[in-house]
Amino acid sequence: MGINSTEVSYGFGQLGSGYLDDTGALTPPTGKVIVAIQVIVAAKFTTLTADTAQGNDAAFIGTAAQVAGNGANSEAIASGDLFAKGITLYGRWTACTLASGTVVVYYGE
């Protein structure tokens, strides 16, 4: 028998999605964050803004300088880094801008 947990659903993209295939900034709806990014066409990120609301205890990869919570020697995503088609990134982000490619983003709380 399965467990119907809204806490799990809200944390894993069950609150909607967005599609980005240009260089405009995608921001999630009010009260939500991006919790997963699925690469449809190989993509490079101009901006991937990690959610810092939880401080350095929970840190997520992004294009800004990494913090202690990312671990020793963790590096920021560079504009030239290419993420292959089929890759899914998990974390918490407040904005996403592509240099190239196509992605589907999934929202959570």
PDB file of N, CA and C in Angstrom:
ATOM      1  N   MET A   1       0.844  -1.169   0.000  1.00  0.00           N
ATOM      2  CA  MET A   1       0.000   0.000   0.000  1.00  0.00           C
ATOM      3  C   MET A   1       0.895   1.240   0.000  1.00  0.00           C
ATOM      4  N   GLY A   2       0.615   2.186  -0.869  1.00  0.00           N
ATOM      5  CA  GLY A   2       1.426   3.390  -0.983  1.00  0.00           C
ATOM      6  C   GLY A   2       1.073   4.433   0.054  1.00  0.00           C
ATOM      7  N   ILE A   3       1.980   5.346   0.239  1.00  0.00           N
ATOM      8  CA  ILE A   3       1.761   6.457   1.147  1.00  0.00           C
ATOM      9  C   ILE A   3       1.522   7.698   0.305  1.00  0.00           C
ATOM     10  N   ASN A   4       0.425   8.378   0.541  1.00  0.00           N
ATOM     11  CA  ASN A   4       0.103   9.602  -0.179  1.00  0.00           C
ATOM     12  C   ASN A   4       0.592  10.776   0.651  1.00  0.00           C
ATOM     13  N   SER A   5       1.807  11.202   0.408  1.00  0.00           N
ATOM     14  CA  SER A   5       2.421  12.256   1.200  1.00  0.00           C
ATOM     15  C   SER A   5       2.523  13.536   0.383  1.00  0.00           C
ATOM     16  N   THR A   6       1.819  14.573   0.815  1.00  0.00           N
ATOM     17  CA  THR A   6       1.936  15.840   0.101  1.00  0.00           C
ATOM     18  C   THR A   6       3.304  16.453   0.329  1.00  0.00           C
ATOM     19  N   GLU A   7       3.933  16.171   1.466  1.00  0.00           N
ATOM     20  CA  GLU A   7       5.272  16.691   1.719  1.00  0.00           C
ATOM     21  C   GLU A   7       6.256  16.185   0.669  1.00  0.00           C
ATOM     22  N   VAL A   8       6.187  14.913   0.350  1.00  0.00           N
ATOM     23  CA  VAL A   8       7.063  14.338  -0.675  1.00  0.00           C
ATOM     24  C   VAL A   8       6.693  14.884  -2.041  1.00  0.00           C
ATOM     25  N   SER A   9       5.419  14.947  -2.356  1.00  0.00           N
ATOM     26  CA  SER A   9       4.974  15.459  -3.655  1.00  0.00           C
ATOM     27  C   SER A   9       5.421  16.892  -3.878  1.00  0.00           C
ATOM     28  N   TYR A  10       5.280  17.743  -2.869  1.00  0.00           N
ATOM     29  CA  TYR A  10       5.630  19.153  -3.009  1.00  0.00           C
ATOM     30  C   TYR A  10       7.134  19.333  -3.197  1.00  0.00           C
ATOM     31  N   GLY A  11       7.919  18.415  -2.684  1.00  0.00           N
ATOM     32  CA  GLY A  11       9.361  18.518  -2.811  1.00  0.00           C
ATOM     33  C   GLY A  11       9.902  17.935  -4.096  1.00  0.00           C
ATOM     34  N   PHE A  12       9.068  17.241  -4.870  1.00  0.00           N
ATOM     35  CA  PHE A  12       9.555  16.566  -6.071  1.00  0.00           C
ATOM     36  C   PHE A  12       8.786  16.938  -7.333  1.00  0.00           C
ATOM     37  N   GLY A  13       8.387  18.190  -7.439  1.00  0.00           N
ATOM     38  CA  GLY A  13       7.880  18.704  -8.697  1.00  0.00           C
ATOM     39  C   GLY A  13       6.433  18.447  -9.018  1.00  0.00           C
ATOM     40  N   GLN A  14       5.629  18.170  -8.045  1.00  0.00           N
ATOM     41  CA  GLN A  14       4.222  17.907  -8.312  1.00  0.00           C
ATOM     42  C   GLN A  14       3.377  19.177  -8.328  1.00  0.00           C
ATOM     43  N   LEU A  15       4.021  20.332  -8.332  1.00  0.00           N
ATOM     44  CA  LEU A  15       3.293  21.602  -8.291  1.00  0.00           C
ATOM     45  C   LEU A  15       3.399  22.371  -9.594  1.00  0.00           C
ATOM     46  N   GLY A  16       3.617  21.666 -10.680  1.00  0.00           N
ATOM     47  CA  GLY A  16       3.648  22.304 -11.984  1.00  0.00           C
ATOM     48  C   GLY A  16       5.017  22.261 -12.628  1.00  0.00           C
ATOM     49  N   SER A  17       5.071  22.821 -13.825  1.00  0.00           N
ATOM     50  CA  SER A  17       6.312  22.794 -14.590  1.00  0.00           C
ATOM     51  C   SER A  17       6.365  23.981 -15.535  1.00  0.00           C
ATOM     52  N   GLY A  18       7.537  24.208 -16.094  1.00  0.00           N
ATOM     53  CA  GLY A  18       7.740  25.259 -17.077  1.00  0.00           C
ATOM     54  C   GLY A  18       8.664  24.746 -18.178  1.00  0.00           C
ATOM     55  N   TYR A  19       8.633  25.425 -19.319  1.00  0.00           N
ATOM     56  CA  TYR A  19       9.411  25.031 -20.489  1.00  0.00           C
ATOM     57  C   TYR A  19      10.235  26.230 -20.928  1.00  0.00           C
ATOM     58  N   LEU A  20      11.515  26.030 -21.159  1.00  0.00           N
ATOM     59  CA  LEU A  20      12.392  27.129 -21.553  1.00  0.00           C
ATOM     60  C   LEU A  20      13.248  26.692 -22.733  1.00  0.00           C
ATOM     61  N   ASP A  21      13.145  27.439 -23.848  1.00  0.00           N
ATOM     62  CA  ASP A  21      13.952  27.129 -25.024  1.00  0.00           C
ATOM     63  C   ASP A  21      14.550  28.384 -25.648  1.00  0.00           C
ATOM     64  N   ASP A  22      14.679  29.431 -24.837  1.00  0.00           N
ATOM     65  CA  ASP A  22      15.302  30.664 -25.317  1.00  0.00           C
ATOM     66  C   ASP A  22      16.184  31.247 -24.216  1.00  0.00           C
ATOM     67  N   THR A  23      16.668  32.462 -24.398  1.00  0.00           N
ATOM     68  CA  THR A  23      17.602  33.049 -23.439  1.00  0.00           C
ATOM     69  C   THR A  23      16.932  33.975 -22.429  1.00  0.00           C
ATOM     70  N   GLY A  24      15.603  33.939 -22.362  1.00  0.00           N
ATOM     71  CA  GLY A  24      14.893  34.720 -21.353  1.00  0.00           C
ATOM     72  C   GLY A  24      14.980  34.050 -19.994  1.00  0.00           C
ATOM     73  N   ALA A  25      14.841  34.832 -18.935  1.00  0.00           N
ATOM     74  CA  ALA A  25      14.901  34.297 -17.571  1.00  0.00           C
ATOM     75  C   ALA A  25      13.585  33.622 -17.209  1.00  0.00           C
ATOM     76  N   LEU A  26      13.679  32.428 -16.669  1.00  0.00           N
ATOM     77  CA  LEU A  26      12.510  31.724 -16.163  1.00  0.00           C
ATOM     78  C   LEU A  26      12.551  31.790 -14.641  1.00  0.00           C
ATOM     79  N   THR A  27      11.487  32.305 -14.052  1.00  0.00           N
ATOM     80  CA  THR A  27      11.357  32.319 -12.598  1.00  0.00           C
ATOM     81  C   THR A  27      10.087  31.564 -12.232  1.00  0.00           C
ATOM     82  N   PRO A  28      10.121  30.804 -11.145  1.00  0.00           N
ATOM     83  CA  PRO A  28       8.946  30.021 -10.758  1.00  0.00           C
ATOM     84  C   PRO A  28       7.817  30.914 -10.256  1.00  0.00           C
ATOM     85  N   PRO A  29       6.604  30.384 -10.221  1.00  0.00           N
ATOM     86  CA  PRO A  29       5.479  31.141  -9.664  1.00  0.00           C
ATOM     87  C   PRO A  29       5.738  31.504  -8.196  1.00  0.00           C
ATOM     88  N   THR A  30       5.064  32.518  -7.724  1.00  0.00           N
ATOM     89  CA  THR A  30       5.200  32.976  -6.340  1.00  0.00           C
ATOM     90  C   THR A  30       5.002  31.826  -5.355  1.00  0.00           C
ATOM     91  N   GLY A  31       5.916  31.728  -4.403  1.00  0.00           N
ATOM     92  CA  GLY A  31       5.826  30.705  -3.370  1.00  0.00           C
ATOM     93  C   GLY A  31       6.408  29.358  -3.754  1.00  0.00           C
ATOM     94  N   LYS A  32       6.950  29.255  -4.972  1.00  0.00           N
ATOM     95  CA  LYS A  32       7.513  27.987  -5.432  1.00  0.00           C
ATOM     96  C   LYS A  32       8.977  28.181  -5.835  1.00  0.00           C
ATOM     97  N   VAL A  33       9.702  27.076  -5.932  1.00  0.00           N
ATOM     98  CA  VAL A  33      11.073  27.061  -6.438  1.00  0.00           C
ATOM     99  C   VAL A  33      11.176  25.960  -7.486  1.00  0.00           C
ATOM    100  N   ILE A  34      12.198  26.021  -8.290  1.00  0.00           N
ATOM    101  CA  ILE A  34      12.495  24.948  -9.244  1.00  0.00           C
ATOM    102  C   ILE A  34      13.179  23.839  -8.453  1.00  0.00           C
ATOM    103  N   VAL A  35      12.664  22.606  -8.544  1.00  0.00           N
ATOM    104  CA  VAL A  35      13.257  21.490  -7.796  1.00  0.00           C
ATOM    105  C   VAL A  35      13.916  20.454  -8.706  1.00  0.00           C
ATOM    106  N   ALA A  36      13.641  20.519  -9.988  1.00  0.00           N
ATOM    107  CA  ALA A  36      14.279  19.606 -10.945  1.00  0.00           C
ATOM    108  C   ALA A  36      14.323  20.285 -12.305  1.00  0.00           C
ATOM    109  N   ILE A  37      15.394  20.017 -13.045  1.00  0.00           N
ATOM    110  CA  ILE A  37      15.558  20.545 -14.399  1.00  0.00           C
ATOM    111  C   ILE A  37      15.913  19.368 -15.298  1.00  0.00           C
ATOM    112  N   GLN A  38      15.049  19.092 -16.258  1.00  0.00           N
ATOM    113  CA  GLN A  38      15.289  18.008 -17.213  1.00  0.00           C
ATOM    114  C   GLN A  38      15.755  18.627 -18.525  1.00  0.00           C
ATOM    115  N   VAL A  39      16.911  18.180 -19.003  1.00  0.00           N
ATOM    116  CA  VAL A  39      17.480  18.720 -20.241  1.00  0.00           C
ATOM    117  C   VAL A  39      16.890  17.966 -21.430  1.00  0.00           C
ATOM    118  N   ILE A  40      16.214  18.703 -22.308  1.00  0.00           N
ATOM    119  CA  ILE A  40      15.571  18.123 -23.498  1.00  0.00           C
ATOM    120  C   ILE A  40      16.512  18.203 -24.697  1.00  0.00           C
ATOM    121  N   VAL A  41      17.162  19.364 -24.869  1.00  0.00           N
ATOM    122  CA  VAL A  41      18.201  19.571 -25.882  1.00  0.00           C
ATOM    123  C   VAL A  41      19.424  20.070 -25.120  1.00  0.00           C
ATOM    124  N   ALA A  42      20.606  19.499 -25.384  1.00  0.00           N
ATOM    125  CA  ALA A  42      21.825  19.857 -24.651  1.00  0.00           C
ATOM    126  C   ALA A  42      21.829  21.347 -24.308  1.00  0.00           C
ATOM    127  N   ALA A  43      22.114  21.670 -23.042  1.00  0.00           N
ATOM    128  CA  ALA A  43      21.926  23.032 -22.560  1.00  0.00           C
ATOM    129  C   ALA A  43      23.153  23.579 -21.843  1.00  0.00           C
ATOM    130  N   LYS A  44      23.317  24.902 -21.983  1.00  0.00           N
ATOM    131  CA  LYS A  44      24.295  25.671 -21.218  1.00  0.00           C
ATOM    132  C   LYS A  44      23.513  26.727 -20.445  1.00  0.00           C
ATOM    133  N   PHE A  45      23.900  26.942 -19.183  1.00  0.00           N
ATOM    134  CA  PHE A  45      23.206  27.902 -18.339  1.00  0.00           C
ATOM    135  C   PHE A  45      23.986  29.210 -18.254  1.00  0.00           C
ATOM    136  N   THR A  46      23.277  30.315 -18.443  1.00  0.00           N
ATOM    137  CA  THR A  46      23.838  31.626 -18.174  1.00  0.00           C
ATOM    138  C   THR A  46      23.692  31.911 -16.689  1.00  0.00           C
ATOM    139  N   THR A  47      22.506  31.608 -16.163  1.00  0.00           N
ATOM    140  CA  THR A  47      22.216  31.813 -14.751  1.00  0.00           C
ATOM    141  C   THR A  47      21.445  30.619 -14.215  1.00  0.00           C
ATOM    142  N   LEU A  48      21.894  30.110 -13.095  1.00  0.00           N
ATOM    143  CA  LEU A  48      21.166  29.095 -12.342  1.00  0.00           C
ATOM    144  C   LEU A  48      21.318  29.518 -10.888  1.00  0.00           C
ATOM    145  N   THR A  49      20.273  30.162 -10.380  1.00  0.00           N
ATOM    146  CA  THR A  49      20.326  30.797  -9.062  1.00  0.00           C
ATOM    147  C   THR A  49      19.852  29.842  -7.982  1.00  0.00           C
ATOM    148  N   ALA A  50      20.791  29.417  -7.140  1.00  0.00           N
ATOM    149  CA  ALA A  50      20.468  28.487  -6.059  1.00  0.00           C
ATOM    150  C   ALA A  50      19.605  29.180  -5.005  1.00  0.00           C
ATOM    151  N   ASP A  51      18.660  28.440  -4.452  1.00  0.00           N
ATOM    152  CA  ASP A  51      17.822  28.924  -3.352  1.00  0.00           C
ATOM    153  C   ASP A  51      18.688  28.932  -2.093  1.00  0.00           C
ATOM    154  N   THR A  52      18.874  30.098  -1.511  1.00  0.00           N
ATOM    155  CA  THR A  52      19.707  30.216  -0.312  1.00  0.00           C
ATOM    156  C   THR A  52      18.873  30.468   0.943  1.00  0.00           C
ATOM    157  N   ALA A  53      17.564  30.280   0.867  1.00  0.00           N
ATOM    158  CA  ALA A  53      16.689  30.554   2.004  1.00  0.00           C
ATOM    159  C   ALA A  53      17.038  29.708   3.221  1.00  0.00           C
ATOM    160  N   GLN A  54      17.643  28.542   3.014  1.00  0.00           N
ATOM    161  CA  GLN A  54      17.981  27.664   4.122  1.00  0.00           C
ATOM    162  C   GLN A  54      19.410  27.879   4.604  1.00  0.00           C
ATOM    163  N   GLY A  55      20.102  28.867   4.085  1.00  0.00           N
ATOM    164  CA  GLY A  55      21.474  29.153   4.502  1.00  0.00           C
ATOM    165  C   GLY A  55      22.448  28.137   3.944  1.00  0.00           C
ATOM    166  N   ASN A  56      23.633  28.097   4.493  1.00  0.00           N
ATOM    167  CA  ASN A  56      24.687  27.212   3.994  1.00  0.00           C
ATOM    168  C   ASN A  56      24.523  25.763   4.429  1.00  0.00           C
ATOM    169  N   ASP A  57      23.563  25.476   5.295  1.00  0.00           N
ATOM    170  CA  ASP A  57      23.347  24.088   5.708  1.00  0.00           C
ATOM    171  C   ASP A  57      22.853  23.237   4.543  1.00  0.00           C
ATOM    172  N   ALA A  58      22.075  23.828   3.654  1.00  0.00           N
ATOM    173  CA  ALA A  58      21.598  23.147   2.456  1.00  0.00           C
ATOM    174  C   ALA A  58      22.017  23.994   1.270  1.00  0.00           C
ATOM    175  N   ALA A  59      22.985  23.532   0.501  1.00  0.00           N
ATOM    176  CA  ALA A  59      23.516  24.311  -0.598  1.00  0.00           C
ATOM    177  C   ALA A  59      23.310  23.560  -1.912  1.00  0.00           C
ATOM    178  N   PHE A  60      23.032  24.311  -2.970  1.00  0.00           N
ATOM    179  CA  PHE A  60      22.724  23.718  -4.266  1.00  0.00           C
ATOM    180  C   PHE A  60      23.634  24.306  -5.330  1.00  0.00           C
ATOM    181  N   ILE A  61      23.993  23.494  -6.308  1.00  0.00           N
ATOM    182  CA  ILE A  61      24.868  23.974  -7.377  1.00  0.00           C
ATOM    183  C   ILE A  61      24.203  25.125  -8.121  1.00  0.00           C
ATOM    184  N   GLY A  62      25.020  25.958  -8.709  1.00  0.00           N
ATOM    185  CA  GLY A  62      24.512  27.080  -9.475  1.00  0.00           C
ATOM    186  C   GLY A  62      25.655  27.805 -10.144  1.00  0.00           C
ATOM    187  N   THR A  63      25.338  28.956 -10.736  1.00  0.00           N
ATOM    188  CA  THR A  63      26.343  29.718 -11.456  1.00  0.00           C
ATOM    189  C   THR A  63      27.075  30.714 -10.560  1.00  0.00           C
ATOM    190  N   ALA A  64      26.621  30.894  -9.325  1.00  0.00           N
ATOM    191  CA  ALA A  64      27.302  31.785  -8.379  1.00  0.00           C
ATOM    192  C   ALA A  64      28.390  31.012  -7.641  1.00  0.00           C
ATOM    193  N   ALA A  65      29.256  31.746  -6.961  1.00  0.00           N
ATOM    194  CA  ALA A  65      30.312  31.117  -6.170  1.00  0.00           C
ATOM    195  C   ALA A  65      29.709  30.116  -5.194  1.00  0.00           C
ATOM    196  N   GLN A  66      30.339  28.985  -5.055  1.00  0.00           N
ATOM    197  CA  GLN A  66      29.861  27.937  -4.159  1.00  0.00           C
ATOM    198  C   GLN A  66      30.189  28.298  -2.714  1.00  0.00           C
ATOM    199  N   VAL A  67      29.452  27.693  -1.785  1.00  0.00           N
ATOM    200  CA  VAL A  67      29.614  27.971  -0.360  1.00  0.00           C
ATOM    201  C   VAL A  67      30.062  26.700   0.348  1.00  0.00           C
ATOM    202  N   ALA A  68      30.361  26.807   1.617  1.00  0.00           N
ATOM    203  CA  ALA A  68      30.862  25.661   2.384  1.00  0.00           C
ATOM    204  C   ALA A  68      29.918  24.465   2.298  1.00  0.00           C
ATOM    205  N   GLY A  69      28.621  24.715   2.274  1.00  0.00           N
ATOM    206  CA  GLY A  69      27.645  23.630   2.215  1.00  0.00           C
ATOM    207  C   GLY A  69      27.682  22.829   0.926  1.00  0.00           C
ATOM    208  N   ASN A  70      28.334  23.348  -0.118  1.00  0.00           N
ATOM    209  CA  ASN A  70      28.479  22.601  -1.373  1.00  0.00           C
ATOM    210  C   ASN A  70      29.584  21.557  -1.294  1.00  0.00           C
ATOM    211  N   GLY A  71      30.416  21.643  -0.280  1.00  0.00           N
ATOM    212  CA  GLY A  71      31.513  20.692  -0.129  1.00  0.00           C
ATOM    213  C   GLY A  71      32.822  21.263  -0.633  1.00  0.00           C
ATOM    214  N   ALA A  72      33.899  20.681  -0.146  1.00  0.00           N
ATOM    215  CA  ALA A  72      35.236  21.135  -0.525  1.00  0.00           C
ATOM    216  C   ALA A  72      35.457  20.953  -2.018  1.00  0.00           C
ATOM    217  N   ASN A  73      35.975  21.979  -2.661  1.00  0.00           N
ATOM    218  CA  ASN A  73      36.335  21.980  -4.078  1.00  0.00           C
ATOM    219  C   ASN A  73      35.144  21.947  -5.030  1.00  0.00           C
ATOM    220  N   SER A  74      33.924  22.207  -4.557  1.00  0.00           N
ATOM    221  CA  SER A  74      32.776  22.320  -5.453  1.00  0.00           C
ATOM    222  C   SER A  74      32.919  23.618  -6.239  1.00  0.00           C
ATOM    223  N   GLU A  75      32.655  23.559  -7.527  1.00  0.00           N
ATOM    224  CA  GLU A  75      32.828  24.720  -8.391  1.00  0.00           C
ATOM    225  C   GLU A  75      31.492  25.191  -8.933  1.00  0.00           C
ATOM    226  N   ALA A  76      31.429  26.470  -9.226  1.00  0.00           N
ATOM    227  CA  ALA A  76      30.238  27.036  -9.843  1.00  0.00           C
ATOM    228  C   ALA A  76      30.112  26.518 -11.270  1.00  0.00           C
ATOM    229  N   ILE A  77      28.897  26.458 -11.756  1.00  0.00           N
ATOM    230  CA  ILE A  77      28.650  26.078 -13.149  1.00  0.00           C
ATOM    231  C   ILE A  77      29.122  27.235 -14.026  1.00  0.00           C
ATOM    232  N   ALA A  78      29.977  26.950 -14.983  1.00  0.00           N
ATOM    233  CA  ALA A  78      30.503  27.969 -15.901  1.00  0.00           C
ATOM    234  C   ALA A  78      29.609  28.069 -17.135  1.00  0.00           C
ATOM    235  N   SER A  79      29.645  29.226 -17.782  1.00  0.00           N
ATOM    236  CA  SER A  79      28.795  29.442 -18.957  1.00  0.00           C
ATOM    237  C   SER A  79      29.105  28.478 -20.094  1.00  0.00           C
ATOM    238  N   GLY A  80      30.295  27.908 -20.119  1.00  0.00           N
ATOM    239  CA  GLY A  80      30.669  26.965 -21.169  1.00  0.00           C
ATOM    240  C   GLY A  80      30.343  25.516 -20.854  1.00  0.00           C
ATOM    241  N   ASP A  81      29.886  25.234 -19.631  1.00  0.00           N
ATOM    242  CA  ASP A  81      29.563  23.853 -19.247  1.00  0.00           C
ATOM    243  C   ASP A  81      28.309  23.382 -19.981  1.00  0.00           C
ATOM    244  N   LEU A  82      28.421  22.253 -20.668  1.00  0.00           N
ATOM    245  CA  LEU A  82      27.320  21.715 -21.455  1.00  0.00           C
ATOM    246  C   LEU A  82      26.711  20.518 -20.723  1.00  0.00           C
ATOM    247  N   PHE A  83      25.395  20.583 -20.501  1.00  0.00           N
ATOM    248  CA  PHE A  83      24.663  19.482 -19.879  1.00  0.00           C
ATOM    249  C   PHE A  83      23.950  18.709 -20.988  1.00  0.00           C
ATOM    250  N   ALA A  84      24.219  17.419 -21.079  1.00  0.00           N
ATOM    251  CA  ALA A  84      23.726  16.588 -22.175  1.00  0.00           C
ATOM    252  C   ALA A  84      22.217  16.353 -22.094  1.00  0.00           C
ATOM    253  N   LYS A  85      21.635  16.116 -23.256  1.00  0.00           N
ATOM    254  CA  LYS A  85      20.237  15.735 -23.352  1.00  0.00           C
ATOM    255  C   LYS A  85      19.989  14.520 -22.457  1.00  0.00           C
ATOM    256  N   GLY A  86      18.893  14.555 -21.713  1.00  0.00           N
ATOM    257  CA  GLY A  86      18.522  13.438 -20.862  1.00  0.00           C
ATOM    258  C   GLY A  86      18.928  13.590 -19.412  1.00  0.00           C
ATOM    259  N   ILE A  87      19.825  14.527 -19.117  1.00  0.00           N
ATOM    260  CA  ILE A  87      20.271  14.766 -17.742  1.00  0.00           C
ATOM    261  C   ILE A  87      19.137  15.436 -16.958  1.00  0.00           C
ATOM    262  N   THR A  88      18.980  15.054 -15.699  1.00  0.00           N
ATOM    263  CA  THR A  88      18.063  15.752 -14.796  1.00  0.00           C
ATOM    264  C   THR A  88      18.860  16.234 -13.593  1.00  0.00           C
ATOM    265  N   LEU A  89      18.774  17.530 -13.330  1.00  0.00           N
ATOM    266  CA  LEU A  89      19.419  18.137 -12.166  1.00  0.00           C
ATOM    267  C   LEU A  89      18.376  18.282 -11.065  1.00  0.00           C
ATOM    268  N   TYR A  90      18.747  17.952  -9.841  1.00  0.00           N
ATOM    269  CA  TYR A  90      17.849  18.088  -8.699  1.00  0.00           C
ATOM    270  C   TYR A  90      18.439  19.090  -7.724  1.00  0.00           C
ATOM    271  N   GLY A  91      17.610  19.898  -7.122  1.00  0.00           N
ATOM    272  CA  GLY A  91      18.059  20.892  -6.156  1.00  0.00           C
ATOM    273  C   GLY A  91      16.936  21.867  -5.873  1.00  0.00           C
ATOM    274  N   ARG A  92      17.304  23.111  -5.587  1.00  0.00           N
ATOM    275  CA  ARG A  92      16.334  24.182  -5.342  1.00  0.00           C
ATOM    276  C   ARG A  92      16.905  25.455  -5.949  1.00  0.00           C
ATOM    277  N   TRP A  93      16.188  26.005  -6.936  1.00  0.00           N
ATOM    278  CA  TRP A  93      16.636  27.214  -7.619  1.00  0.00           C
ATOM    279  C   TRP A  93      15.500  28.221  -7.722  1.00  0.00           C
ATOM    280  N   THR A  94      15.877  29.495  -7.735  1.00  0.00           N
ATOM    281  CA  THR A  94      14.885  30.565  -7.820  1.00  0.00           C
ATOM    282  C   THR A  94      14.823  31.207  -9.201  1.00  0.00           C
ATOM    283  N   ALA A  95      15.763  30.877 -10.077  1.00  0.00           N
ATOM    284  CA  ALA A  95      15.765  31.404 -11.444  1.00  0.00           C
ATOM    285  C   ALA A  95      16.686  30.578 -12.317  1.00  0.00           C
ATOM    286  N   CYS A  96      16.381  30.607 -13.619  1.00  0.00           N
ATOM    287  CA  CYS A  96      17.152  29.840 -14.596  1.00  0.00           C
ATOM    288  C   CYS A  96      17.159  30.618 -15.907  1.00  0.00           C
ATOM    289  N   THR A  97      18.342  30.799 -16.479  1.00  0.00           N
ATOM    290  CA  THR A  97      18.484  31.424 -17.793  1.00  0.00           C
ATOM    291  C   THR A  97      19.433  30.565 -18.618  1.00  0.00           C
ATOM    292  N   LEU A  98      19.063  30.276 -19.848  1.00  0.00           N
ATOM    293  CA  LEU A  98      19.880  29.446 -20.722  1.00  0.00           C
ATOM    294  C   LEU A  98      20.707  30.294 -21.685  1.00  0.00           C
ATOM    295  N   ALA A  99      21.896  29.822 -22.001  1.00  0.00           N
ATOM    296  CA  ALA A  99      22.683  30.372 -23.102  1.00  0.00           C
ATOM    297  C   ALA A  99      22.283  29.648 -24.385  1.00  0.00           C
ATOM    298  N   SER A 100      21.933  28.355 -24.232  1.00  0.00           N
ATOM    299  CA  SER A 100      21.471  27.546 -25.361  1.00  0.00           C
ATOM    300  C   SER A 100      20.789  26.299 -24.813  1.00  0.00           C
ATOM    301  N   GLY A 101      20.001  25.648 -25.665  1.00  0.00           N
ATOM    302  CA  GLY A 101      19.359  24.401 -25.292  1.00  0.00           C
ATOM    303  C   GLY A 101      17.894  24.555 -24.942  1.00  0.00           C
ATOM    304  N   THR A 102      17.335  23.471 -24.433  1.00  0.00           N
ATOM    305  CA  THR A 102      15.925  23.418 -24.039  1.00  0.00           C
ATOM    306  C   THR A 102      15.797  22.590 -22.770  1.00  0.00           C
ATOM    307  N   VAL A 103      15.013  23.109 -21.815  1.00  0.00           N
ATOM    308  CA  VAL A 103      14.797  22.389 -20.557  1.00  0.00           C
ATOM    309  C   VAL A 103      13.332  22.440 -20.146  1.00  0.00           C
ATOM    310  N   VAL A 104      12.940  21.474 -19.347  1.00  0.00           N
ATOM    311  CA  VAL A 104      11.672  21.496 -18.627  1.00  0.00           C
ATOM    312  C   VAL A 104      12.029  21.621 -17.162  1.00  0.00           C
ATOM    313  N   VAL A 105      11.416  22.566 -16.468  1.00  0.00           N
ATOM    314  CA  VAL A 105      11.656  22.730 -15.034  1.00  0.00           C
ATOM    315  C   VAL A 105      10.407  22.295 -14.278  1.00  0.00           C
ATOM    316  N   TYR A 106      10.631  21.727 -13.107  1.00  0.00           N
ATOM    317  CA  TYR A 106       9.520  21.252 -12.264  1.00  0.00           C
ATOM    318  C   TYR A 106       9.542  22.034 -10.958  1.00  0.00           C
ATOM    319  N   TYR A 107       8.354  22.417 -10.487  1.00  0.00           N
ATOM    320  CA  TYR A 107       8.236  23.270  -9.308  1.00  0.00           C
ATOM    321  C   TYR A 107       7.892  22.488  -8.059  1.00  0.00           C
ATOM    322  N   GLY A 108       8.376  22.982  -6.938  1.00  0.00           N
ATOM    323  CA  GLY A 108       8.052  22.456  -5.622  1.00  0.00           C
ATOM    324  C   GLY A 108       7.983  23.626  -4.653  1.00  0.00           C
ATOM    325  N   GLU A 109       7.794  23.316  -3.390  1.00  0.00           N
ATOM    326  CA  GLU A 109       7.724  24.385  -2.363  1.00  0.00           C
ATOM    327  C   GLU A 109       8.980  24.418  -1.540  1.00  0.00           C
TER     328      GLU A 109
END
